[in-house]
Amino acid sequence: MSCYFQYDERLGIKIPKLEEEWDSYSSDVRASVLFQWEQIRGAIPDRILKLEAVIILKQNQLDHEDDFLTSCQLNSEIADLASTINDLHLWFRVNQELESKVHH
């Protein structure tokens, strides 16, 4: 089943990577892909919590940071983490049927 998913380093999860239209796969393959996606999808909230914890740490660092360039770097890192969380929320909401539009 791993050929239907690709690890996304930024998100920290595997995401669907379908080479063909969804309906062209056999019902057994679709069921297996959906089962694996539900397992991956179920781990997304934990991944989000971990990223939120990192954001909190960086915000605490930012609260005590006097150096402007370091503050800018921390702000940038916080924004990147927030963007990743937003993308994870989107993936969490992906239709459970993995519509044929999902060809990442």
PDB file of N, CA and C in Angstrom:
ATOM      1  N   MET A   1       0.803  -1.203   0.000  1.00  0.00           N
ATOM      2  CA  MET A   1       0.000   0.000   0.000  1.00  0.00           C
ATOM      3  C   MET A   1       0.845   1.266   0.000  1.00  0.00           C
ATOM      4  N   SER A   2       2.098   1.158   0.351  1.00  0.00           N
ATOM      5  CA  SER A   2       2.917   2.362   0.442  1.00  0.00           C
ATOM      6  C   SER A   2       3.074   3.048  -0.909  1.00  0.00           C
ATOM      7  N   CYS A   3       2.823   2.331  -2.010  1.00  0.00           N
ATOM      8  CA  CYS A   3       2.947   2.957  -3.320  1.00  0.00           C
ATOM      9  C   CYS A   3       1.820   3.955  -3.576  1.00  0.00           C
ATOM     10  N   TYR A   4       0.796   3.943  -2.753  1.00  0.00           N
ATOM     11  CA  TYR A   4      -0.321   4.873  -2.898  1.00  0.00           C
ATOM     12  C   TYR A   4      -0.186   6.081  -1.981  1.00  0.00           C
ATOM     13  N   PHE A   5       0.890   6.119  -1.226  1.00  0.00           N
ATOM     14  CA  PHE A   5       1.132   7.212  -0.292  1.00  0.00           C
ATOM     15  C   PHE A   5       2.589   7.637  -0.381  1.00  0.00           C
ATOM     16  N   GLN A   6       2.815   8.908  -0.092  1.00  0.00           N
ATOM     17  CA  GLN A   6       4.172   9.448  -0.114  1.00  0.00           C
ATOM     18  C   GLN A   6       4.371  10.265   1.158  1.00  0.00           C
ATOM     19  N   TYR A   7       5.500  10.035   1.814  1.00  0.00           N
ATOM     20  CA  TYR A   7       5.786  10.770   3.047  1.00  0.00           C
ATOM     21  C   TYR A   7       6.078  12.225   2.720  1.00  0.00           C
ATOM     22  N   ASP A   8       5.400  13.121   3.429  1.00  0.00           N
ATOM     23  CA  ASP A   8       5.627  14.557   3.281  1.00  0.00           C
ATOM     24  C   ASP A   8       6.418  15.021   4.499  1.00  0.00           C
ATOM     25  N   GLU A   9       7.653  15.397   4.259  1.00  0.00           N
ATOM     26  CA  GLU A   9       8.565  15.787   5.341  1.00  0.00           C
ATOM     27  C   GLU A   9       8.015  16.948   6.156  1.00  0.00           C
ATOM     28  N   ARG A  10       7.478  17.943   5.483  1.00  0.00           N
ATOM     29  CA  ARG A  10       6.966  19.133   6.156  1.00  0.00           C
ATOM     30  C   ARG A  10       5.775  18.795   7.063  1.00  0.00           C
ATOM     31  N   LEU A  11       4.858  17.981   6.554  1.00  0.00           N
ATOM     32  CA  LEU A  11       3.677  17.632   7.331  1.00  0.00           C
ATOM     33  C   LEU A  11       3.957  16.558   8.373  1.00  0.00           C
ATOM     34  N   GLY A  12       4.942  15.730   8.111  1.00  0.00           N
ATOM     35  CA  GLY A  12       5.270  14.654   9.036  1.00  0.00           C
ATOM     36  C   GLY A  12       4.325  13.471   8.938  1.00  0.00           C
ATOM     37  N   ILE A  13       3.627  13.359   7.810  1.00  0.00           N
ATOM     38  CA  ILE A  13       2.705  12.235   7.580  1.00  0.00           C
ATOM     39  C   ILE A  13       2.819  11.808   6.120  1.00  0.00           C
ATOM     40  N   LYS A  14       2.261  10.637   5.838  1.00  0.00           N
ATOM     41  CA  LYS A  14       2.128  10.203   4.458  1.00  0.00           C
ATOM     42  C   LYS A  14       0.846  10.810   3.906  1.00  0.00           C
ATOM     43  N   ILE A  15       0.905  11.219   2.647  1.00  0.00           N
ATOM     44  CA  ILE A  15      -0.286  11.752   1.991  1.00  0.00           C
ATOM     45  C   ILE A  15      -0.562  10.931   0.734  1.00  0.00           C
ATOM     46  N   PRO A  16      -1.818  10.909   0.299  1.00  0.00           N
ATOM     47  CA  PRO A  16      -2.160  10.114  -0.889  1.00  0.00           C
ATOM     48  C   PRO A  16      -1.385  10.568  -2.118  1.00  0.00           C
ATOM     49  N   LYS A  17      -0.952   9.593  -2.882  1.00  0.00           N
ATOM     50  CA  LYS A  17      -0.278   9.840  -4.159  1.00  0.00           C
ATOM     51  C   LYS A  17      -0.837   8.817  -5.143  1.00  0.00           C
ATOM     52  N   LEU A  18      -1.917   9.205  -5.781  1.00  0.00           N
ATOM     53  CA  LEU A  18      -2.588   8.289  -6.690  1.00  0.00           C
ATOM     54  C   LEU A  18      -2.128   8.553  -8.113  1.00  0.00           C
ATOM     55  N   GLU A  19      -1.758   7.494  -8.789  1.00  0.00           N
ATOM     56  CA  GLU A  19      -1.241   7.602 -10.157  1.00  0.00           C
ATOM     57  C   GLU A  19      -2.372   7.568 -11.182  1.00  0.00           C
ATOM     58  N   GLU A  20      -3.525   7.034 -10.776  1.00  0.00           N
ATOM     59  CA  GLU A  20      -4.648   6.865 -11.698  1.00  0.00           C
ATOM     60  C   GLU A  20      -5.904   7.482 -11.092  1.00  0.00           C
ATOM     61  N   GLU A  21      -6.955   7.515 -11.894  1.00  0.00           N
ATOM     62  CA  GLU A  21      -8.247   7.963 -11.387  1.00  0.00           C
ATOM     63  C   GLU A  21      -8.720   6.977 -10.323  1.00  0.00           C
ATOM     64  N   TRP A  22      -9.360   7.501  -9.290  1.00  0.00           N
ATOM     65  CA  TRP A  22      -9.810   6.692  -8.156  1.00  0.00           C
ATOM     66  C   TRP A  22     -10.648   5.504  -8.608  1.00  0.00           C
ATOM     67  N   ASP A  23     -11.574   5.728  -9.541  1.00  0.00           N
ATOM     68  CA  ASP A  23     -12.476   4.663  -9.980  1.00  0.00           C
ATOM     69  C   ASP A  23     -11.783   3.573 -10.778  1.00  0.00           C
ATOM     70  N   SER A  24     -10.580   3.818 -11.242  1.00  0.00           N
ATOM     71  CA  SER A  24      -9.870   2.795 -12.013  1.00  0.00           C
ATOM     72  C   SER A  24      -9.229   1.731 -11.127  1.00  0.00           C
ATOM     73  N   TYR A  25      -9.142   1.994  -9.830  1.00  0.00           N
ATOM     74  CA  TYR A  25      -8.597   0.996  -8.903  1.00  0.00           C
ATOM     75  C   TYR A  25      -9.677  -0.017  -8.539  1.00  0.00           C
ATOM     76  N   SER A  26      -9.262  -1.233  -8.284  1.00  0.00           N
ATOM     77  CA  SER A  26     -10.223  -2.269  -7.881  1.00  0.00           C
ATOM     78  C   SER A  26     -10.812  -1.919  -6.520  1.00  0.00           C
ATOM     79  N   SER A  27     -11.938  -2.502  -6.229  1.00  0.00           N
ATOM     80  CA  SER A  27     -12.583  -2.216  -4.940  1.00  0.00           C
ATOM     81  C   SER A  27     -11.714  -2.672  -3.773  1.00  0.00           C
ATOM     82  N   ASP A  28     -10.947  -3.747  -3.964  1.00  0.00           N
ATOM     83  CA  ASP A  28     -10.046  -4.211  -2.904  1.00  0.00           C
ATOM     84  C   ASP A  28      -8.933  -3.198  -2.649  1.00  0.00           C
ATOM     85  N   VAL A  29      -8.360  -2.662  -3.724  1.00  0.00           N
ATOM     86  CA  VAL A  29      -7.301  -1.664  -3.579  1.00  0.00           C
ATOM     87  C   VAL A  29      -7.866  -0.418  -2.923  1.00  0.00           C
ATOM     88  N   ARG A  30      -9.036   0.026  -3.384  1.00  0.00           N
ATOM     89  CA  ARG A  30      -9.652   1.223  -2.790  1.00  0.00           C
ATOM     90  C   ARG A  30      -9.918   1.024  -1.299  1.00  0.00           C
ATOM     91  N   ALA A  31     -10.408  -0.148  -0.931  1.00  0.00           N
ATOM     92  CA  ALA A  31     -10.671  -0.427   0.480  1.00  0.00           C
ATOM     93  C   ALA A  31      -9.377  -0.398   1.289  1.00  0.00           C
ATOM     94  N   SER A  32      -8.311  -0.965   0.732  1.00  0.00           N
ATOM     95  CA  SER A  32      -7.019  -0.962   1.422  1.00  0.00           C
ATOM     96  C   SER A  32      -6.459   0.445   1.563  1.00  0.00           C
ATOM     97  N   VAL A  33      -6.580   1.238   0.492  1.00  0.00           N
ATOM     98  CA  VAL A  33      -6.098   2.617   0.528  1.00  0.00           C
ATOM     99  C   VAL A  33      -6.895   3.409   1.568  1.00  0.00           C
ATOM    100  N   LEU A  34      -8.206   3.242   1.570  1.00  0.00           N
ATOM    101  CA  LEU A  34      -9.039   3.958   2.541  1.00  0.00           C
ATOM    102  C   LEU A  34      -8.707   3.551   3.972  1.00  0.00           C
ATOM    103  N   PHE A  35      -8.454   2.264   4.169  1.00  0.00           N
ATOM    104  CA  PHE A  35      -8.099   1.797   5.509  1.00  0.00           C
ATOM    105  C   PHE A  35      -6.798   2.435   5.969  1.00  0.00           C
ATOM    106  N   GLN A  36      -5.792   2.443   5.085  1.00  0.00           N
ATOM    107  CA  GLN A  36      -4.508   3.048   5.456  1.00  0.00           C
ATOM    108  C   GLN A  36      -4.676   4.552   5.666  1.00  0.00           C
ATOM    109  N   TRP A  37      -5.469   5.211   4.816  1.00  0.00           N
ATOM    110  CA  TRP A  37      -5.667   6.648   4.971  1.00  0.00           C
ATOM    111  C   TRP A  37      -6.328   6.955   6.315  1.00  0.00           C
ATOM    112  N   GLU A  38      -7.278   6.141   6.719  1.00  0.00           N
ATOM    113  CA  GLU A  38      -7.937   6.376   8.009  1.00  0.00           C
ATOM    114  C   GLU A  38      -6.953   6.233   9.168  1.00  0.00           C
ATOM    115  N   GLN A  39      -5.992   5.320   9.038  1.00  0.00           N
ATOM    116  CA  GLN A  39      -4.963   5.194  10.067  1.00  0.00           C
ATOM    117  C   GLN A  39      -4.075   6.434  10.089  1.00  0.00           C
ATOM    118  N   ILE A  40      -3.665   6.888   8.926  1.00  0.00           N
ATOM    119  CA  ILE A  40      -2.831   8.093   8.834  1.00  0.00           C
ATOM    120  C   ILE A  40      -3.617   9.288   9.350  1.00  0.00           C
ATOM    121  N   ARG A  41      -4.833   9.415   8.868  1.00  0.00           N
ATOM    122  CA  ARG A  41      -5.709  10.530   9.244  1.00  0.00           C
ATOM    123  C   ARG A  41      -5.927  10.578  10.757  1.00  0.00           C
ATOM    124  N   GLY A  42      -6.039   9.417  11.375  1.00  0.00           N
ATOM    125  CA  GLY A  42      -6.238   9.341  12.816  1.00  0.00           C
ATOM    126  C   GLY A  42      -5.057   9.859  13.613  1.00  0.00           C
ATOM    127  N   ALA A  43      -3.870   9.867  13.008  1.00  0.00           N
ATOM    128  CA  ALA A  43      -2.669  10.354  13.694  1.00  0.00           C
ATOM    129  C   ALA A  43      -2.480  11.865  13.539  1.00  0.00           C
ATOM    130  N   ILE A  44      -3.246  12.489  12.665  1.00  0.00           N
ATOM    131  CA  ILE A  44      -3.070  13.921  12.401  1.00  0.00           C
ATOM    132  C   ILE A  44      -3.295  14.776  13.648  1.00  0.00           C
ATOM    133  N   PRO A  45      -4.346  14.538  14.449  1.00  0.00           N
ATOM    134  CA  PRO A  45      -4.513  15.380  15.643  1.00  0.00           C
ATOM    135  C   PRO A  45      -3.306  15.345  16.593  1.00  0.00           C
ATOM    136  N   ASP A  46      -2.689  14.188  16.746  1.00  0.00           N
ATOM    137  CA  ASP A  46      -1.495  14.092  17.595  1.00  0.00           C
ATOM    138  C   ASP A  46      -0.338  14.883  16.999  1.00  0.00           C
ATOM    139  N   ARG A  47      -0.209  14.831  15.688  1.00  0.00           N
ATOM    140  CA  ARG A  47       0.843  15.596  15.005  1.00  0.00           C
ATOM    141  C   ARG A  47       0.615  17.090  15.221  1.00  0.00           C
ATOM    142  N   ILE A  48      -0.630  17.523  15.127  1.00  0.00           N
ATOM    143  CA  ILE A  48      -0.971  18.933  15.348  1.00  0.00           C
ATOM    144  C   ILE A  48      -0.630  19.346  16.776  1.00  0.00           C
ATOM    145  N   LEU A  49      -0.954  18.507  17.744  1.00  0.00           N
ATOM    146  CA  LEU A  49      -0.640  18.826  19.149  1.00  0.00           C
ATOM    147  C   LEU A  49       0.860  18.996  19.358  1.00  0.00           C
ATOM    148  N   LYS A  50       1.655  18.151  18.723  1.00  0.00           N
ATOM    149  CA  LYS A  50       3.112  18.268  18.858  1.00  0.00           C
ATOM    150  C   LYS A  50       3.609  19.586  18.265  1.00  0.00           C
ATOM    151  N   LEU A  51       3.076  19.956  17.109  1.00  0.00           N
ATOM    152  CA  LEU A  51       3.483  21.211  16.485  1.00  0.00           C
ATOM    153  C   LEU A  51       3.027  22.415  17.316  1.00  0.00           C
ATOM    154  N   GLU A  52       1.841  22.322  17.901  1.00  0.00           N
ATOM    155  CA  GLU A  52       1.358  23.401  18.761  1.00  0.00           C
ATOM    156  C   GLU A  52       2.254  23.571  19.980  1.00  0.00           C
ATOM    157  N   ALA A  53       2.759  22.466  20.514  1.00  0.00           N
ATOM    158  CA  ALA A  53       3.668  22.534  21.656  1.00  0.00           C
ATOM    159  C   ALA A  53       4.963  23.255  21.265  1.00  0.00           C
ATOM    160  N   VAL A  54       5.449  22.993  20.064  1.00  0.00           N
ATOM    161  CA  VAL A  54       6.656  23.675  19.584  1.00  0.00           C
ATOM    162  C   VAL A  54       6.385  25.167  19.419  1.00  0.00           C
ATOM    163  N   ILE A  55       5.211  25.502  18.914  1.00  0.00           N
ATOM    164  CA  ILE A  55       4.846  26.914  18.771  1.00  0.00           C
ATOM    165  C   ILE A  55       4.839  27.602  20.125  1.00  0.00           C
ATOM    166  N   ILE A  56       4.278  26.956  21.124  1.00  0.00           N
ATOM    167  CA  ILE A  56       4.233  27.545  22.467  1.00  0.00           C
ATOM    168  C   ILE A  56       5.639  27.790  22.996  1.00  0.00           C
ATOM    169  N   LEU A  57       6.539  26.828  22.788  1.00  0.00           N
ATOM    170  CA  LEU A  57       7.932  27.006  23.212  1.00  0.00           C
ATOM    171  C   LEU A  57       8.578  28.199  22.507  1.00  0.00           C
ATOM    172  N   LYS A  58       8.340  28.296  21.221  1.00  0.00           N
ATOM    173  CA  LYS A  58       8.926  29.399  20.454  1.00  0.00           C
ATOM    174  C   LYS A  58       8.306  30.743  20.857  1.00  0.00           C
ATOM    175  N   GLN A  59       7.019  30.735  21.164  1.00  0.00           N
ATOM    176  CA  GLN A  59       6.384  31.972  21.627  1.00  0.00           C
ATOM    177  C   GLN A  59       6.951  32.406  22.980  1.00  0.00           C
ATOM    178  N   ASN A  60       7.221  31.432  23.838  1.00  0.00           N
ATOM    179  CA  ASN A  60       7.844  31.752  25.127  1.00  0.00           C
ATOM    180  C   ASN A  60       9.249  32.309  24.926  1.00  0.00           C
ATOM    181  N   GLN A  61       9.987  31.747  23.983  1.00  0.00           N
ATOM    182  CA  GLN A  61      11.312  32.283  23.664  1.00  0.00           C
ATOM    183  C   GLN A  61      11.183  33.709  23.137  1.00  0.00           C
ATOM    184  N   LEU A  62      10.204  33.910  22.290  1.00  0.00           N
ATOM    185  CA  LEU A  62       9.986  35.224  21.688  1.00  0.00           C
ATOM    186  C   LEU A  62       9.646  36.269  22.743  1.00  0.00           C
ATOM    187  N   ASP A  63       8.890  35.859  23.756  1.00  0.00           N
ATOM    188  CA  ASP A  63       8.514  36.778  24.839  1.00  0.00           C
ATOM    189  C   ASP A  63       9.727  37.331  25.572  1.00  0.00           C
ATOM    190  N   HIS A  64      10.816  36.573  25.585  1.00  0.00           N
ATOM    191  CA  HIS A  64      12.007  36.974  26.331  1.00  0.00           C
ATOM    192  C   HIS A  64      13.179  37.361  25.431  1.00  0.00           C
ATOM    193  N   GLU A  65      12.916  37.442  24.142  1.00  0.00           N
ATOM    194  CA  GLU A  65      13.996  37.728  23.190  1.00  0.00           C
ATOM    195  C   GLU A  65      14.124  39.225  22.962  1.00  0.00           C
ATOM    196  N   ASP A  66      15.359  39.719  23.101  1.00  0.00           N
ATOM    197  CA  ASP A  66      15.632  41.140  22.883  1.00  0.00           C
ATOM    198  C   ASP A  66      16.281  41.419  21.526  1.00  0.00           C
ATOM    199  N   ASP A  67      16.881  40.399  20.945  1.00  0.00           N
ATOM    200  CA  ASP A  67      17.563  40.592  19.674  1.00  0.00           C
ATOM    201  C   ASP A  67      16.535  40.594  18.536  1.00  0.00           C
ATOM    202  N   PHE A  68      16.542  41.654  17.742  1.00  0.00           N
ATOM    203  CA  PHE A  68      15.547  41.822  16.679  1.00  0.00           C
ATOM    204  C   PHE A  68      15.621  40.702  15.642  1.00  0.00           C
ATOM    205  N   LEU A  69      16.829  40.372  15.189  1.00  0.00           N
ATOM    206  CA  LEU A  69      16.959  39.340  14.163  1.00  0.00           C
ATOM    207  C   LEU A  69      16.508  37.974  14.666  1.00  0.00           C
ATOM    208  N   THR A  70      16.828  37.678  15.909  1.00  0.00           N
ATOM    209  CA  THR A  70      16.376  36.415  16.492  1.00  0.00           C
ATOM    210  C   THR A  70      14.860  36.406  16.625  1.00  0.00           C
ATOM    211  N   SER A  71      14.283  37.553  16.996  1.00  0.00           N
ATOM    212  CA  SER A  71      12.823  37.669  17.083  1.00  0.00           C
ATOM    213  C   SER A  71      12.177  37.424  15.726  1.00  0.00           C
ATOM    214  N   CYS A  72      12.775  37.981  14.696  1.00  0.00           N
ATOM    215  CA  CYS A  72      12.259  37.778  13.334  1.00  0.00           C
ATOM    216  C   CYS A  72      12.322  36.299  12.948  1.00  0.00           C
ATOM    217  N   GLN A  73      13.428  35.655  13.293  1.00  0.00           N
ATOM    218  CA  GLN A  73      13.585  34.232  12.985  1.00  0.00           C
ATOM    219  C   GLN A  73      12.529  33.397  13.719  1.00  0.00           C
ATOM    220  N   LEU A  74      12.330  33.693  14.991  1.00  0.00           N
ATOM    221  CA  LEU A  74      11.316  32.963  15.761  1.00  0.00           C
ATOM    222  C   LEU A  74       9.922  33.183  15.179  1.00  0.00           C
ATOM    223  N   ASN A  75       9.618  34.417  14.805  1.00  0.00           N
ATOM    224  CA  ASN A  75       8.323  34.707  14.185  1.00  0.00           C
ATOM    225  C   ASN A  75       8.139  33.917  12.892  1.00  0.00           C
ATOM    226  N   SER A  76       9.189  33.839  12.106  1.00  0.00           N
ATOM    227  CA  SER A  76       9.138  33.090  10.859  1.00  0.00           C
ATOM    228  C   SER A  76       8.902  31.599  11.123  1.00  0.00           C
ATOM    229  N   GLU A  77       9.597  31.060  12.103  1.00  0.00           N
ATOM    230  CA  GLU A  77       9.429  29.648  12.450  1.00  0.00           C
ATOM    231  C   GLU A  77       8.020  29.378  12.962  1.00  0.00           C
ATOM    232  N   ILE A  78       7.488  30.281  13.754  1.00  0.00           N
ATOM    233  CA  ILE A  78       6.121  30.132  14.265  1.00  0.00           C
ATOM    234  C   ILE A  78       5.129  30.163  13.105  1.00  0.00           C
ATOM    235  N   ALA A  79       5.326  31.065  12.169  1.00  0.00           N
ATOM    236  CA  ALA A  79       4.438  31.157  11.005  1.00  0.00           C
ATOM    237  C   ALA A  79       4.497  29.884  10.162  1.00  0.00           C
ATOM    238  N   ASP A  80       5.691  29.338   9.982  1.00  0.00           N
ATOM    239  CA  ASP A  80       5.836  28.092   9.220  1.00  0.00           C
ATOM    240  C   ASP A  80       5.108  26.937   9.909  1.00  0.00           C
ATOM    241  N   LEU A  81       5.264  26.857  11.223  1.00  0.00           N
ATOM    242  CA  LEU A  81       4.579  25.802  11.975  1.00  0.00           C
ATOM    243  C   LEU A  81       3.065  25.968  11.894  1.00  0.00           C
ATOM    244  N   ALA A  82       2.590  27.204  11.993  1.00  0.00           N
ATOM    245  CA  ALA A  82       1.152  27.465  11.904  1.00  0.00           C
ATOM    246  C   ALA A  82       0.624  27.085  10.516  1.00  0.00           C
ATOM    247  N   SER A  83       1.413  27.349   9.482  1.00  0.00           N
ATOM    248  CA  SER A  83       1.029  26.972   8.126  1.00  0.00           C
ATOM    249  C   SER A  83       0.936  25.451   7.993  1.00  0.00           C
ATOM    250  N   THR A  84       1.877  24.758   8.590  1.00  0.00           N
ATOM    251  CA  THR A  84       1.857  23.297   8.566  1.00  0.00           C
ATOM    252  C   THR A  84       0.617  22.770   9.271  1.00  0.00           C
ATOM    253  N   ILE A  85       0.285  23.352  10.417  1.00  0.00           N
ATOM    254  CA  ILE A  85      -0.921  22.950  11.150  1.00  0.00           C
ATOM    255  C   ILE A  85      -2.160  23.179  10.291  1.00  0.00           C
ATOM    256  N   ASN A  86      -2.213  24.310   9.615  1.00  0.00           N
ATOM    257  CA  ASN A  86      -3.346  24.595   8.747  1.00  0.00           C
ATOM    258  C   ASN A  86      -3.469  23.531   7.651  1.00  0.00           C
ATOM    259  N   ASP A  87      -2.355  23.177   7.034  1.00  0.00           N
ATOM    260  CA  ASP A  87      -2.383  22.143   5.996  1.00  0.00           C
ATOM    261  C   ASP A  87      -2.801  20.792   6.562  1.00  0.00           C
ATOM    262  N   LEU A  88      -2.355  20.472   7.762  1.00  0.00           N
ATOM    263  CA  LEU A  88      -2.771  19.218   8.393  1.00  0.00           C
ATOM    264  C   LEU A  88      -4.276  19.204   8.647  1.00  0.00           C
ATOM    265  N   HIS A  89      -4.827  20.332   9.056  1.00  0.00           N
ATOM    266  CA  HIS A  89      -6.282  20.425   9.229  1.00  0.00           C
ATOM    267  C   HIS A  89      -6.997  20.161   7.903  1.00  0.00           C
ATOM    268  N   LEU A  90      -6.458  20.691   6.819  1.00  0.00           N
ATOM    269  CA  LEU A  90      -7.061  20.459   5.509  1.00  0.00           C
ATOM    270  C   LEU A  90      -7.008  18.982   5.137  1.00  0.00           C
ATOM    271  N   TRP A  91      -5.859  18.360   5.344  1.00  0.00           N
ATOM    272  CA  TRP A  91      -5.747  16.933   5.046  1.00  0.00           C
ATOM    273  C   TRP A  91      -6.665  16.111   5.931  1.00  0.00           C
ATOM    274  N   PHE A  92      -6.838  16.529   7.172  1.00  0.00           N
ATOM    275  CA  PHE A  92      -7.715  15.792   8.075  1.00  0.00           C
ATOM    276  C   PHE A  92      -9.148  15.782   7.546  1.00  0.00           C
ATOM    277  N   ARG A  93      -9.509  16.845   6.848  1.00  0.00           N
ATOM    278  CA  ARG A  93     -10.872  16.970   6.327  1.00  0.00           C
ATOM    279  C   ARG A  93     -11.050  16.380   4.933  1.00  0.00           C
ATOM    280  N   VAL A  94      -9.992  15.861   4.353  1.00  0.00           N
ATOM    281  CA  VAL A  94     -10.096  15.296   3.007  1.00  0.00           C
ATOM    282  C   VAL A  94     -11.158  14.206   3.012  1.00  0.00           C
ATOM    283  N   ASN A  95     -11.978  14.242   1.995  1.00  0.00           N
ATOM    284  CA  ASN A  95     -13.054  13.272   1.831  1.00  0.00           C
ATOM    285  C   ASN A  95     -12.522  11.855   2.013  1.00  0.00           C
ATOM    286  N   GLN A  96     -13.220  11.084   2.791  1.00  0.00           N
ATOM    287  CA  GLN A  96     -12.773   9.729   3.089  1.00  0.00           C
ATOM    288  C   GLN A  96     -12.739   8.843   1.851  1.00  0.00           C
ATOM    289  N   GLU A  97     -13.360   9.256   0.795  1.00  0.00           N
ATOM    290  CA  GLU A  97     -13.352   8.447  -0.419  1.00  0.00           C
ATOM    291  C   GLU A  97     -12.178   8.785  -1.324  1.00  0.00           C
ATOM    292  N   LEU A  98     -11.291   9.681  -0.882  1.00  0.00           N
ATOM    293  CA  LEU A  98     -10.117  10.055  -1.669  1.00  0.00           C
ATOM    294  C   LEU A  98     -10.512  10.327  -3.119  1.00  0.00           C
ATOM    295  N   GLU A  99     -11.245  11.385  -3.301  1.00  0.00           N
ATOM    296  CA  GLU A  99     -11.741  11.731  -4.629  1.00  0.00           C
ATOM    297  C   GLU A  99     -10.620  11.736  -5.652  1.00  0.00           C
ATOM    298  N   SER A 100     -10.975  11.494  -6.864  1.00  0.00           N
ATOM    299  CA  SER A 100      -9.972  11.387  -7.918  1.00  0.00           C
ATOM    300  C   SER A 100      -9.193  12.667  -8.122  1.00  0.00           C
ATOM    301  N   LYS A 101      -9.653  13.783  -7.554  1.00  0.00           N
ATOM    302  CA  LYS A 101      -8.927  15.032  -7.662  1.00  0.00           C
ATOM    303  C   LYS A 101      -7.627  15.017  -6.858  1.00  0.00           C
ATOM    304  N   VAL A 102      -7.519  14.112  -5.903  1.00  0.00           N
ATOM    305  CA  VAL A 102      -6.353  14.067  -5.029  1.00  0.00           C
ATOM    306  C   VAL A 102      -5.245  13.282  -5.715  1.00  0.00           C
ATOM    307  N   HIS A 103      -4.357  13.983  -6.393  1.00  0.00           N
ATOM    308  CA  HIS A 103      -3.249  13.353  -7.127  1.00  0.00           C
ATOM    309  C   HIS A 103      -1.928  13.954  -6.698  1.00  0.00           C
ATOM    310  N   HIS A 104      -1.706  14.106  -5.410  1.00  0.00           N
ATOM    311  CA  HIS A 104      -0.494  14.780  -4.910  1.00  0.00           C
ATOM    312  C   HIS A 104       0.684  13.905  -5.030  1.00  0.00           C
TER     313      HIS A 104
END
